[in-house]
């Protein structure tokens, strides 16, 4: 929605001088999009939360919006947030780990699903399945969903990192990166792009990535679609996208 708003022809004549900030959540926001809104004087105040925590977990507001571009902020009211390794030990600042949350408003259980409840609520903490880092000041930067991580040749690839790069390409309206089975590397990243400029080519996308991503993170395949399958809250449904593309060894088709 934020991307489409910038592309609306009415933007050139509309008076949005009274619009000071917009609250945004649901998925990591590309830094390029944050910077575009900053350039026209509108702050994007990021919120990170999940249904299991009954709302906000972290919030980024005020002067920190410009100072900590790309961060989800710090722990929100009444939440305790940690970034931990697979053994639930706190990681060092800058290291990647899973976000876990403790609060009185965390859910009690998944309805009629004790196995899922036991996997998510462990030792008094809600395990979110989200990967993040935390800086020296305690600001949290969401990296990606643990279940969306791609393992290619033994290397961990986080799709959100690639998506943020691709979102900076002029003419890109929406983007999703998913893993494609690969006989050599195990998995390989595939970029699925909704474009507003029909002249944007696979070659141009790959060239754009050359000096912005490590070679193993550059998508092996680029596919263009008319629309990305989304939930009612605007999140890309990657499982549906995998089915739509009928992923197979080193290939993706529509």
Foldseek 3Di string as FASTA:
>chain_A
DLLVVVVDPCVVPDDPVVAQEAEDEDDFDQLLSQVVCVVVRYFYKYFYDDVQLVDTQATGDDPRSVVVRQFNHAGDPQKDKAFAAPVRHGDDAPDKGWIKIAGPSGHPADPPCVPVRPVQQDPRIGTDQWIWGAHPVRTIHTQAGNVQWDQWQNDTAHFVLVQSQLVNDPFFRHKTWGWFQAPPTRTAIEIETEGRDPVDDPVNSQVSCPVPDDPRRRGLYYHYDNDFDADPSGHGDVVVVCVVQVGHHSGTHD
